[in-house]
C-alpha atoms as a PDB file:
ATOM      1  CA  MET A   1     -49.556-198.056  -9.864  1.00  0.00           C
ATOM      2  CA  GLN A   2     -47.139-200.454 -10.673  1.00  0.00           C
ATOM      3  CA  TYR A   3     -43.342-198.696 -11.716  1.00  0.00           C
ATOM      4  CA  PHE A   4     -40.308-200.196 -13.818  1.00  0.00           C
ATOM      5  CA  ILE A   5     -36.670-199.307 -15.329  1.00  0.00           C
ATOM      6  CA  ALA A   6     -35.539-200.062 -18.338  1.00  0.00           C
ATOM      7  CA  ILE A   7     -31.725-199.815 -19.269  1.00  0.00           C
ATOM      8  CA  ASP A   8     -29.968-199.493 -22.586  1.00  0.00           C
ATOM      9  CA  ALA A   9     -26.162-199.726 -22.257  1.00  0.00           C
ATOM     10  CA  GLY A  10     -23.593-199.449 -25.499  1.00  0.00           C
ATOM     11  CA  GLY A  11     -20.468-199.098 -25.484  1.00  0.00           C
ATOM     12  CA  THR A  12     -20.530-194.844 -24.959  1.00  0.00           C
ATOM     13  CA  LYS A  13     -23.694-194.589 -23.042  1.00  0.00           C
ATOM     14  CA  THR A  14     -25.579-196.253 -20.495  1.00  0.00           C
ATOM     15  CA  GLU A  15     -28.967-194.839 -20.033  1.00  0.00           C
ATOM     16  CA  GLY A  16     -32.265-195.608 -17.505  1.00  0.00           C
ATOM     17  CA  VAL A  17     -35.751-194.515 -17.441  1.00  0.00           C
ATOM     18  CA  LEU A  18     -37.869-194.729 -14.540  1.00  0.00           C
ATOM     19  CA  PHE A  19     -41.433-195.148 -15.454  1.00  0.00           C
ATOM     20  CA  ASP A  20     -45.343-196.513 -14.946  1.00  0.00           C
ATOM     21  CA  GLU A  21     -47.457-198.905 -15.876  1.00  0.00           C
ATOM     22  CA  THR A  22     -48.961-195.975 -18.568  1.00  0.00           C
ATOM     23  CA  GLY A  23     -45.276-195.641 -20.280  1.00  0.00           C
ATOM     24  CA  LYS A  24     -44.921-192.265 -18.491  1.00  0.00           C
ATOM     25  CA  ILE A  25     -41.568-191.703 -17.531  1.00  0.00           C
ATOM     26  CA  HIS A  26     -40.728-189.893 -14.149  1.00  0.00           C
ATOM     27  CA  LYS A  27     -37.385-189.855 -14.124  1.00  0.00           C
ATOM     28  CA  LYS A  28     -34.147-190.593 -16.513  1.00  0.00           C
ATOM     29  CA  SER A  29     -30.578-191.482 -15.807  1.00  0.00           C
ATOM     30  CA  LEU A  30     -27.222-191.153 -18.043  1.00  0.00           C
ATOM     31  CA  LEU A  31     -24.210-192.409 -17.320  1.00  0.00           C
ATOM     32  CA  ALA A  32     -20.997-193.767 -19.266  1.00  0.00           C
ATOM     33  CA  GLY A  33     -20.996-197.282 -21.595  1.00  0.00           C
ATOM     34  CA  ALA A  34     -21.052-200.531 -19.831  1.00  0.00           C
ATOM     35  CA  ASN A  35     -19.756-202.934 -22.361  1.00  0.00           C
ATOM     36  CA  PRO A  36     -18.648-205.777 -19.992  1.00  0.00           C
ATOM     37  CA  ASN A  37     -15.853-206.511 -22.783  1.00  0.00           C
ATOM     38  CA  ASP A  38     -14.934-202.863 -22.705  1.00  0.00           C
ATOM     39  CA  ILE A  39     -14.514-202.016 -19.071  1.00  0.00           C
ATOM     40  CA  GLY A  40     -15.305-205.751 -17.313  1.00  0.00           C
ATOM     41  CA  VAL A  41     -17.796-207.381 -15.762  1.00  0.00           C
ATOM     42  CA  ASP A  42     -17.169-205.976 -12.214  1.00  0.00           C
ATOM     43  CA  ALA A  43     -17.237-202.244 -13.466  1.00  0.00           C
ATOM     44  CA  ALA A  44     -20.219-203.343 -15.560  1.00  0.00           C
ATOM     45  CA  VAL A  45     -21.900-204.312 -12.744  1.00  0.00           C
ATOM     46  CA  VAL A  46     -21.283-201.088 -10.494  1.00  0.00           C
ATOM     47  CA  ARG A  47     -22.109-198.926 -13.350  1.00  0.00           C
ATOM     48  CA  LEU A  48     -25.563-200.726 -14.008  1.00  0.00           C
ATOM     49  CA  ALA A  49     -26.350-200.663 -10.458  1.00  0.00           C
ATOM     50  CA  SER A  50     -25.641-196.933  -9.864  1.00  0.00           C
ATOM     51  CA  VAL A  51     -28.440-196.529 -12.776  1.00  0.00           C
ATOM     52  CA  LEU A  52     -30.660-198.484 -11.280  1.00  0.00           C
ATOM     53  CA  ASP A  53     -30.237-197.605  -7.660  1.00  0.00           C
ATOM     54  CA  GLU A  54     -30.582-193.767  -8.594  1.00  0.00           C
ATOM     55  CA  LEU A  55     -33.942-194.856 -10.381  1.00  0.00           C
ATOM     56  CA  LYS A  56     -35.028-197.219  -7.849  1.00  0.00           C
ATOM     57  CA  SER A  57     -34.843-194.632  -4.629  1.00  0.00           C
ATOM     58  CA  ALA A  58     -37.305-192.079  -7.141  1.00  0.00           C
ATOM     59  CA  ALA A  59     -40.022-194.582  -7.207  1.00  0.00           C
ATOM     60  CA  PRO A  60     -42.649-194.261  -4.497  1.00  0.00           C
ATOM     61  CA  THR A  61     -43.408-197.955  -4.570  1.00  0.00           C
ATOM     62  CA  GLN A  62     -40.690-200.982  -5.242  1.00  0.00           C
ATOM     63  CA  ILE A  63     -39.969-201.655  -8.572  1.00  0.00           C
ATOM     64  CA  THR A  64     -42.181-204.461 -10.369  1.00  0.00           C
ATOM     65  CA  ALA A  65     -39.748-204.973 -12.692  1.00  0.00           C
ATOM     66  CA  ALA A  66     -36.415-204.070 -14.459  1.00  0.00           C
ATOM     67  CA  PHE A  67     -34.999-205.356 -17.874  1.00  0.00           C
ATOM     68  CA  ALA A  68     -31.282-204.138 -19.109  1.00  0.00           C
ATOM     69  CA  GLY A  69     -30.190-204.467 -22.489  1.00  0.00           C
ATOM     70  CA  VAL A  70     -26.518-204.416 -22.602  1.00  0.00           C
ATOM     71  CA  ALA A  71     -24.231-204.112 -25.239  1.00  0.00           C
ATOM     72  CA  GLY A  72     -21.601-207.282 -25.027  1.00  0.00           C
ATOM     73  CA  ALA A  73     -24.015-209.140 -22.510  1.00  0.00           C
ATOM     74  CA  VAL A  74     -23.494-212.129 -24.464  1.00  0.00           C
ATOM     75  CA  GLY A  75     -21.474-214.671 -22.560  1.00  0.00           C
ATOM     76  CA  HIS A  76     -21.952-212.496 -19.364  1.00  0.00           C
ATOM     77  CA  GLY A  77     -25.583-211.806 -18.886  1.00  0.00           C
ATOM     78  CA  GLU A  78     -26.308-214.522 -16.378  1.00  0.00           C
ATOM     79  CA  ALA A  79     -23.476-213.077 -14.134  1.00  0.00           C
ATOM     80  CA  LEU A  80     -24.812-209.456 -14.443  1.00  0.00           C
ATOM     81  CA  GLU A  81     -27.981-210.677 -13.608  1.00  0.00           C
ATOM     82  CA  ARG A  82     -26.874-212.025 -10.897  1.00  0.00           C
ATOM     83  CA  ALA A  83     -24.776-209.989  -9.148  1.00  0.00           C
ATOM     84  CA  LEU A  84     -27.387-206.975  -9.973  1.00  0.00           C
ATOM     85  CA  GLY A  85     -29.916-208.852  -8.284  1.00  0.00           C
ATOM     86  CA  GLN A  86     -28.170-208.818  -5.329  1.00  0.00           C
ATOM     87  CA  ARG A  87     -26.987-205.742  -5.167  1.00  0.00           C
ATOM     88  CA  THR A  88     -30.424-203.634  -5.786  1.00  0.00           C
ATOM     89  CA  GLY A  89     -32.985-205.877  -4.671  1.00  0.00           C
ATOM     90  CA  ILE A  90     -35.069-206.075  -7.665  1.00  0.00           C
ATOM     91  CA  LYS A  91     -36.028-209.394  -7.764  1.00  0.00           C
ATOM     92  CA  ALA A  92     -38.016-209.537 -11.581  1.00  0.00           C
ATOM     93  CA  LEU A  93     -34.376-208.158 -13.318  1.00  0.00           C
ATOM     94  CA  ARG A  94     -33.353-209.521 -16.604  1.00  0.00           C
ATOM     95  CA  VAL A  95     -30.422-208.628 -18.218  1.00  0.00           C
ATOM     96  CA  ALA A  96     -29.726-209.647 -22.188  1.00  0.00           C
ATOM     97  CA  SER A  97     -28.328-208.213 -25.435  1.00  0.00           C
ATOM     98  CA  ASP A  98     -28.983-205.122 -26.630  1.00  0.00           C
ATOM     99  CA  ALA A  99     -30.074-206.570 -29.460  1.00  0.00           C
ATOM    100  CA  VAL A 100     -33.597-207.515 -27.691  1.00  0.00           C
ATOM    101  CA  PRO A 101     -34.965-203.974 -26.754  1.00  0.00           C
ATOM    102  CA  LEU A 102     -34.079-203.155 -30.457  1.00  0.00           C
ATOM    103  CA  LEU A 103     -36.115-206.048 -31.788  1.00  0.00           C
ATOM    104  CA  THR A 104     -39.147-205.800 -29.729  1.00  0.00           C
ATOM    105  CA  GLY A 105     -39.067-201.741 -30.067  1.00  0.00           C
ATOM    106  CA  ALA A 106     -39.063-201.774 -33.938  1.00  0.00           C
ATOM    107  CA  LEU A 107     -40.543-205.362 -34.908  1.00  0.00           C
ATOM    108  CA  GLY A 108     -42.509-206.291 -31.694  1.00  0.00           C
ATOM    109  CA  SER A 109     -42.699-210.249 -31.697  1.00  0.00           C
ATOM    110  CA  ALA A 110     -41.872-210.785 -35.082  1.00  0.00           C
ATOM    111  CA  ASP A 111     -39.204-212.637 -36.230  1.00  0.00           C
ATOM    112  CA  GLY A 112     -36.556-210.408 -38.168  1.00  0.00           C
ATOM    113  CA  ALA A 113     -32.947-209.054 -37.659  1.00  0.00           C
ATOM    114  CA  CYS A 114     -31.257-206.354 -35.933  1.00  0.00           C
ATOM    115  CA  LEU A 115     -28.598-204.383 -36.742  1.00  0.00           C
ATOM    116  CA  ILE A 116     -26.825-202.509 -34.886  1.00  0.00           C
ATOM    117  CA  ALA A 117     -23.943-199.897 -35.730  1.00  0.00           C
ATOM    118  CA  GLY A 118     -22.854-198.099 -32.646  1.00  0.00           C
ATOM    119  CA  THR A 119     -19.544-197.858 -31.047  1.00  0.00           C
ATOM    120  CA  GLY A 120     -19.133-201.358 -31.973  1.00  0.00           C
ATOM    121  CA  SER A 121     -21.425-203.221 -34.730  1.00  0.00           C
ATOM    122  CA  VAL A 122     -23.351-206.733 -34.921  1.00  0.00           C
ATOM    123  CA  CYS A 123     -26.221-208.431 -36.706  1.00  0.00           C
ATOM    124  CA  PHE A 124     -28.851-210.193 -34.667  1.00  0.00           C
ATOM    125  CA  VAL A 125     -31.382-212.565 -35.996  1.00  0.00           C
ATOM    126  CA  ARG A 126     -34.327-213.332 -34.090  1.00  0.00           C
ATOM    127  CA  HIS A 127     -36.423-216.783 -35.978  1.00  0.00           C
ATOM    128  CA  GLY A 128     -38.410-218.853 -33.703  1.00  0.00           C
ATOM    129  CA  GLY A 129     -37.908-217.053 -30.492  1.00  0.00           C
ATOM    130  CA  GLU A 130     -34.219-218.037 -30.859  1.00  0.00           C
ATOM    131  CA  LEU A 131     -31.680-215.104 -31.305  1.00  0.00           C
ATOM    132  CA  THR A 132     -28.511-216.219 -33.462  1.00  0.00           C
ATOM    133  CA  ARG A 133     -25.653-213.860 -33.481  1.00  0.00           C
ATOM    134  CA  ILE A 134     -23.353-212.650 -36.370  1.00  0.00           C
ATOM    135  CA  GLY A 135     -20.325-210.283 -36.123  1.00  0.00           C
ATOM    136  CA  GLY A 136     -19.901-208.583 -33.176  1.00  0.00           C
ATOM    137  CA  TRP A 137     -17.055-210.258 -31.968  1.00  0.00           C
ATOM    138  CA  GLY A 138     -14.877-206.856 -30.633  1.00  0.00           C
ATOM    139  CA  TYR A 139     -12.559-204.382 -32.114  1.00  0.00           C
ATOM    140  CA  LEU A 140     -10.066-207.197 -31.822  1.00  0.00           C
ATOM    141  CA  LEU A 141     -11.381-209.762 -33.744  1.00  0.00           C
ATOM    142  CA  ASP A 142     -14.180-208.298 -36.045  1.00  0.00           C
ATOM    143  CA  PRO A 143     -12.131-207.851 -39.725  1.00  0.00           C
ATOM    144  CA  SER A 144     -11.551-204.409 -40.248  1.00  0.00           C
ATOM    145  CA  CYS A 145     -14.921-201.941 -41.704  1.00  0.00           C
ATOM    146  CA  SER A 146     -17.223-204.055 -39.925  1.00  0.00           C
ATOM    147  CA  GLY A 147     -19.202-200.687 -39.774  1.00  0.00           C
ATOM    148  CA  SER A 148     -19.065-199.597 -36.591  1.00  0.00           C
ATOM    149  CA  GLY A 149     -17.989-195.967 -35.035  1.00  0.00           C
ATOM    150  CA  PHE A 150     -14.679-197.394 -33.866  1.00  0.00           C
ATOM    151  CA  ASP A 151     -14.406-198.297 -37.719  1.00  0.00           C
ATOM    152  CA  LEU A 152     -15.308-195.541 -39.467  1.00  0.00           C
ATOM    153  CA  GLY A 153     -13.290-193.261 -36.436  1.00  0.00           C
ATOM    154  CA  ARG A 154      -9.824-195.595 -37.135  1.00  0.00           C
ATOM    155  CA  ASP A 155     -10.457-195.650 -40.775  1.00  0.00           C
ATOM    156  CA  ALA A 156     -10.467-191.977 -40.780  1.00  0.00           C
ATOM    157  CA  LEU A 157      -7.351-191.659 -38.781  1.00  0.00           C
ATOM    158  CA  THR A 158      -5.361-194.233 -40.770  1.00  0.00           C
ATOM    159  CA  ALA A 159      -6.436-192.575 -44.095  1.00  0.00           C
ATOM    160  CA  ALA A 160      -5.178-189.013 -42.693  1.00  0.00           C
ATOM    161  CA  LEU A 161      -1.866-190.210 -41.544  1.00  0.00           C
ATOM    162  CA  HIS A 162      -0.912-192.622 -44.796  1.00  0.00           C
ATOM    163  CA  ALA A 163      -2.009-189.279 -46.224  1.00  0.00           C
ATOM    164  CA  HIS A 164       0.958-187.539 -44.233  1.00  0.00           C
ATOM    165  CA  ASP A 165       3.169-190.682 -44.856  1.00  0.00           C
ATOM    166  CA  GLY A 166       2.802-190.882 -48.351  1.00  0.00           C
ATOM    167  CA  GLN A 167       1.330-194.783 -48.418  1.00  0.00           C
ATOM    168  CA  GLY A 168      -2.145-192.639 -49.097  1.00  0.00           C
ATOM    169  CA  THR A 169      -3.568-189.631 -51.211  1.00  0.00           C
ATOM    170  CA  PRO A 170      -4.574-186.276 -49.611  1.00  0.00           C
ATOM    171  CA  THR A 171      -7.803-185.968 -47.999  1.00  0.00           C
ATOM    172  CA  LEU A 172     -10.100-183.549 -46.154  1.00  0.00           C
ATOM    173  CA  LEU A 173      -9.876-185.864 -43.154  1.00  0.00           C
ATOM    174  CA  THR A 174      -6.293-184.698 -42.261  1.00  0.00           C
ATOM    175  CA  ASP A 175      -7.911-181.166 -41.809  1.00  0.00           C
ATOM    176  CA  LEU A 176     -11.042-181.985 -40.027  1.00  0.00           C
ATOM    177  CA  LEU A 177      -8.811-184.167 -38.007  1.00  0.00           C
ATOM    178  CA  THR A 178      -6.599-181.861 -36.935  1.00  0.00           C
ATOM    179  CA  SER A 179      -9.386-179.264 -35.798  1.00  0.00           C
ATOM    180  CA  ARG A 180     -11.223-181.723 -33.918  1.00  0.00           C
ATOM    181  CA  LEU A 181      -7.902-182.759 -32.230  1.00  0.00           C
ATOM    182  CA  GLY A 182      -5.971-179.430 -31.567  1.00  0.00           C
ATOM    183  CA  LYS A 183      -2.935-180.947 -33.692  1.00  0.00           C
ATOM    184  CA  HIS A 184      -2.320-182.912 -36.258  1.00  0.00           C
ATOM    185  CA  PRO A 185      -3.134-187.048 -36.308  1.00  0.00           C
ATOM    186  CA  ALA A 186       0.552-187.574 -36.556  1.00  0.00           C
ATOM    187  CA  ASP A 187       1.421-185.717 -33.127  1.00  0.00           C
ATOM    188  CA  ALA A 188      -1.949-187.276 -31.586  1.00  0.00           C
ATOM    189  CA  ILE A 189      -0.557-190.551 -31.461  1.00  0.00           C
ATOM    190  CA  PRO A 190      -0.527-190.848 -27.558  1.00  0.00           C
ATOM    191  CA  ASP A 191      -3.743-189.274 -27.078  1.00  0.00           C
ATOM    192  CA  ILE A 192      -5.251-191.778 -29.434  1.00  0.00           C
ATOM    193  CA  TYR A 193      -3.944-194.859 -27.769  1.00  0.00           C
ATOM    194  CA  ALA A 194      -5.046-193.469 -24.508  1.00  0.00           C
ATOM    195  CA  GLY A 195      -8.446-192.805 -25.396  1.00  0.00           C
ATOM    196  CA  GLY A 196      -8.870-195.846 -26.215  1.00  0.00           C
ATOM    197  CA  ARG A 197     -11.838-197.344 -28.454  1.00  0.00           C
ATOM    198  CA  ALA A 198     -14.646-195.076 -27.699  1.00  0.00           C
ATOM    199  CA  TYR A 199     -12.386-192.424 -27.817  1.00  0.00           C
ATOM    200  CA  ILE A 200     -11.660-193.198 -31.547  1.00  0.00           C
ATOM    201  CA  ALA A 201     -15.549-194.058 -32.177  1.00  0.00           C
ATOM    202  CA  SER A 202     -16.481-190.396 -31.562  1.00  0.00           C
ATOM    203  CA  LEU A 203     -14.332-189.111 -34.306  1.00  0.00           C
ATOM    204  CA  ALA A 204     -17.093-191.336 -37.104  1.00  0.00           C
ATOM    205  CA  SER A 205     -18.633-187.819 -37.164  1.00  0.00           C
ATOM    206  CA  ILE A 206     -15.539-186.461 -38.915  1.00  0.00           C
ATOM    207  CA  VAL A 207     -16.211-189.295 -41.965  1.00  0.00           C
ATOM    208  CA  PHE A 208     -19.790-188.186 -42.486  1.00  0.00           C
ATOM    209  CA  GLU A 209     -18.323-184.008 -42.194  1.00  0.00           C
ATOM    210  CA  GLY A 210     -15.886-185.075 -45.096  1.00  0.00           C
ATOM    211  CA  ALA A 211     -18.662-187.359 -47.863  1.00  0.00           C
ATOM    212  CA  GLU A 212     -20.907-184.178 -47.314  1.00  0.00           C
ATOM    213  CA  ALA A 213     -18.095-182.227 -48.793  1.00  0.00           C
ATOM    214  CA  ASN A 214     -17.708-184.489 -50.880  1.00  0.00           C
ATOM    215  CA  ASP A 215     -14.328-185.942 -50.143  1.00  0.00           C
ATOM    216  CA  THR A 216     -13.471-189.129 -52.097  1.00  0.00           C
ATOM    217  CA  VAL A 217     -12.095-190.974 -48.822  1.00  0.00           C
ATOM    218  CA  SER A 218     -14.331-190.341 -46.695  1.00  0.00           C
ATOM    219  CA  LEU A 219     -17.001-191.582 -49.076  1.00  0.00           C
ATOM    220  CA  CYS A 220     -14.673-194.409 -49.927  1.00  0.00           C
ATOM    221  CA  ILE A 221     -14.599-195.470 -46.326  1.00  0.00           C
ATOM    222  CA  LEU A 222     -18.491-195.051 -45.925  1.00  0.00           C
ATOM    223  CA  ARG A 223     -19.062-197.417 -48.954  1.00  0.00           C
ATOM    224  CA  ARG A 224     -16.160-199.940 -47.915  1.00  0.00           C
ATOM    225  CA  ASN A 225     -18.089-199.925 -43.987  1.00  0.00           C
ATOM    226  CA  CYS A 226     -21.527-200.384 -45.428  1.00  0.00           C
ATOM    227  CA  GLU A 227     -20.481-203.440 -47.695  1.00  0.00           C
ATOM    228  CA  GLY A 228     -19.190-205.001 -43.945  1.00  0.00           C
ATOM    229  CA  LEU A 229     -22.444-204.518 -42.225  1.00  0.00           C
ATOM    230  CA  ALA A 230     -24.425-206.005 -45.409  1.00  0.00           C
ATOM    231  CA  LYS A 231     -21.956-208.939 -45.421  1.00  0.00           C
ATOM    232  CA  MET A 232     -23.860-209.576 -41.930  1.00  0.00           C
ATOM    233  CA  LEU A 233     -27.007-209.301 -43.410  1.00  0.00           C
ATOM    234  CA  THR A 234     -26.023-211.891 -46.167  1.00  0.00           C
ATOM    235  CA  ALA A 235     -24.921-214.339 -43.395  1.00  0.00           C
ATOM    236  CA  ALA A 236     -28.417-213.559 -41.747  1.00  0.00           C
ATOM    237  CA  MET A 237     -30.262-214.983 -44.746  1.00  0.00           C
ATOM    238  CA  LYS A 238     -28.992-218.495 -44.082  1.00  0.00           C
ATOM    239  CA  VAL A 239     -30.431-217.725 -40.687  1.00  0.00           C
ATOM    240  CA  ILE A 240     -33.767-216.959 -41.619  1.00  0.00           C
ATOM    241  CA  LYS A 241     -35.568-216.477 -45.487  1.00  0.00           C
ATOM    242  CA  PRO A 242     -36.381-213.426 -46.978  1.00  0.00           C
ATOM    243  CA  PRO A 243     -38.619-211.364 -46.869  1.00  0.00           C
ATOM    244  CA  PHE A 244     -37.812-210.265 -43.391  1.00  0.00           C
ATOM    245  CA  GLY A 245     -37.557-206.874 -41.421  1.00  0.00           C
ATOM    246  CA  VAL A 246     -34.220-205.298 -40.369  1.00  0.00           C
ATOM    247  CA  ALA A 247     -33.890-202.810 -37.451  1.00  0.00           C
ATOM    248  CA  LEU A 248     -31.030-200.337 -37.583  1.00  0.00           C
ATOM    249  CA  GLY A 249     -29.917-199.251 -34.180  1.00  0.00           C
ATOM    250  CA  GLY A 250     -27.055-197.388 -32.597  1.00  0.00           C
ATOM    251  CA  GLY A 251     -25.655-194.089 -32.531  1.00  0.00           C
ATOM    252  CA  ILE A 252     -24.335-194.241 -36.125  1.00  0.00           C
ATOM    253  CA  PHE A 253     -27.837-194.941 -37.793  1.00  0.00           C
ATOM    254  CA  GLU A 254     -29.348-192.238 -35.582  1.00  0.00           C
ATOM    255  CA  LYS A 255     -27.185-189.761 -36.341  1.00  0.00           C
ATOM    256  CA  PHE A 256     -26.272-190.111 -39.827  1.00  0.00           C
ATOM    257  CA  PRO A 257     -29.320-191.254 -42.201  1.00  0.00           C
ATOM    258  CA  ILE A 258     -26.946-191.326 -44.765  1.00  0.00           C
ATOM    259  CA  TYR A 259     -25.415-194.099 -43.510  1.00  0.00           C
ATOM    260  CA  ALA A 260     -28.806-196.029 -43.999  1.00  0.00           C
ATOM    261  CA  ARG A 261     -29.144-194.480 -46.881  1.00  0.00           C
ATOM    262  CA  MET A 262     -25.833-196.000 -48.420  1.00  0.00           C
ATOM    263  CA  LEU A 263     -26.342-199.560 -46.764  1.00  0.00           C
ATOM    264  CA  SER A 264     -29.779-199.621 -48.832  1.00  0.00           C
ATOM    265  CA  HIS A 265     -27.764-199.542 -52.013  1.00  0.00           C
ATOM    266  CA  VAL A 266     -25.518-202.815 -50.816  1.00  0.00           C
ATOM    267  CA  ALA A 267     -28.056-204.728 -49.099  1.00  0.00           C
ATOM    268  CA  PRO A 268     -28.807-207.583 -50.257  1.00  0.00           C
ATOM    269  CA  ALA A 269     -32.710-208.000 -51.713  1.00  0.00           C
ATOM    270  CA  GLY A 270     -35.321-209.344 -49.963  1.00  0.00           C
ATOM    271  CA  ILE A 271     -35.497-207.548 -46.657  1.00  0.00           C
ATOM    272  CA  GLU A 272     -36.722-204.064 -45.506  1.00  0.00           C
ATOM    273  CA  LEU A 273     -34.182-201.902 -43.383  1.00  0.00           C
ATOM    274  CA  ALA A 274     -35.550-199.496 -41.100  1.00  0.00           C
ATOM    275  CA  VAL A 275     -34.084-196.978 -38.692  1.00  0.00           C
ATOM    276  CA  ALA A 276     -35.759-197.706 -35.608  1.00  0.00           C
ATOM    277  CA  ASP A 277     -38.570-194.627 -34.439  1.00  0.00           C
ATOM    278  CA  THR A 278     -38.075-194.739 -30.611  1.00  0.00           C
ATOM    279  CA  PRO A 279     -34.784-195.037 -28.718  1.00  0.00           C
ATOM    280  CA  ALA A 280     -33.437-198.526 -27.446  1.00  0.00           C
ATOM    281  CA  VAL A 281     -34.478-197.671 -24.059  1.00  0.00           C
ATOM    282  CA  TYR A 282     -38.117-197.868 -25.209  1.00  0.00           C
ATOM    283  CA  GLY A 283     -37.655-201.809 -26.172  1.00  0.00           C
ATOM    284  CA  ALA A 284     -36.253-202.271 -23.079  1.00  0.00           C
ATOM    285  CA  ALA A 285     -38.931-200.769 -21.198  1.00  0.00           C
ATOM    286  CA  VAL A 286     -41.562-202.845 -23.378  1.00  0.00           C
ATOM    287  CA  GLU A 287     -39.610-205.982 -22.187  1.00  0.00           C
ATOM    288  CA  ALA A 288     -40.034-204.825 -18.641  1.00  0.00           C
ATOM    289  CA  VAL A 289     -43.792-204.826 -18.804  1.00  0.00           C
ATOM    290  CA  LEU A 290     -43.733-208.210 -20.576  1.00  0.00           C
ATOM    291  CA  ARG A 291     -41.826-209.506 -17.620  1.00  0.00           C
ATOM    292  CA  THR A 292     -45.072-209.586 -15.463  1.00  0.00           C
ATOM    293  CA  GLY A 293     -46.596-211.352 -17.865  1.00  0.00           C
ATOM    294  CA  LYS A 294     -48.781-208.782 -19.215  1.00  0.00           C
ATOM    295  CA  LYS A 295     -48.830-206.611 -22.351  1.00  0.00           C
ATOM    296  CA  PRO A 296     -48.214-202.636 -22.571  1.00  0.00           C
ATOM    297  CA  PRO A 297     -51.605-201.153 -23.275  1.00  0.00           C
ATOM    298  CA  SER A 298     -52.230-199.498 -26.099  1.00  0.00           C
ATOM    299  CA  ASP A 299     -51.074-196.149 -25.654  1.00  0.00           C
ATOM    300  CA  PHE A 300     -48.038-197.270 -23.608  1.00  0.00           C
ATOM    301  CA  LYS A 301     -45.498-196.040 -26.571  1.00  0.00           C
ATOM    302  CA  ALA A 302     -47.252-192.861 -27.314  1.00  0.00           C
ATOM    303  CA  CYS A 303     -46.604-191.815 -23.593  1.00  0.00           C
ATOM    304  CA  PHE A 304     -43.587-192.914 -23.561  1.00  0.00           C
ATOM    305  CA  MET A 305     -42.229-190.987 -26.137  1.00  0.00           C
ATOM    306  CA  GLN A 306     -44.143-188.015 -24.871  1.00  0.00           C
ATOM    307  CA  THR A 307     -42.473-187.918 -21.956  1.00  0.00           C
ATOM    308  CA  TYR A 308     -39.037-189.232 -22.843  1.00  0.00           C
ATOM    309  CA  LYS A 309     -38.741-185.728 -24.650  1.00  0.00           C
ATOM    310  CA  TYR A 310     -39.041-183.939 -21.600  1.00  0.00           C
END
């Protein structure tokens, strides 16, 4: 029996699984995010190595192959791969963008695109085996309202603060944020800055709460950010001609179905949006098996999903 490791690492969490060639999962691991653009390459290596070592120690035999899809890996992939290989001793180890497992898990080997909305947001197009990146340049360089959890959380805070100082209109977001933060947003500025990007992104759910209550400001924030995501899809059409499929991934799409529905109203024609029906780590598992030159068996997905829920 061959054993593999798959990892999906974003800005908020790093999830890893140890599984065998049938797709059966034997162990799971969950740590904080490992985006090297957030925590630095060295810290990302330590975190990813920790997951690999934990899962590797639970395998009854050597690890045949491992694949890690990492947010922020573009520009850092080779360094991460080299360092992790040296630290863990896993020879057939590959590190790539977190877009790769999302595309593979949802579209198989077909050309298409993926749109990720988690702590950050990014679009990748796969055409002729090549990946083209659109957006995802980081919260300091991406335009505001680019559809990420950080954008939503920041916009909620800004709306509440502007309502407080007279620049904006009253909004339910003020009460919702006050309840979550334990104090008025104006009094929580030190906590917000200390918490950083991930902390602000964790407040994205507040916007959806406001939208459910028909708060006008919350609905405007969602629409504005969906338009930002649609802009990336429009740019994707310059790389690959429609029709093509777009896999939607990341925590925001997974937790809040309304976001995909709102996006569908402003997305360009000729593309088919689909929220991934498997976790991103499933696509990483498929990529790990493909590293051996073989394809997963026909019942691989069913076995993986059945044991993923334990």
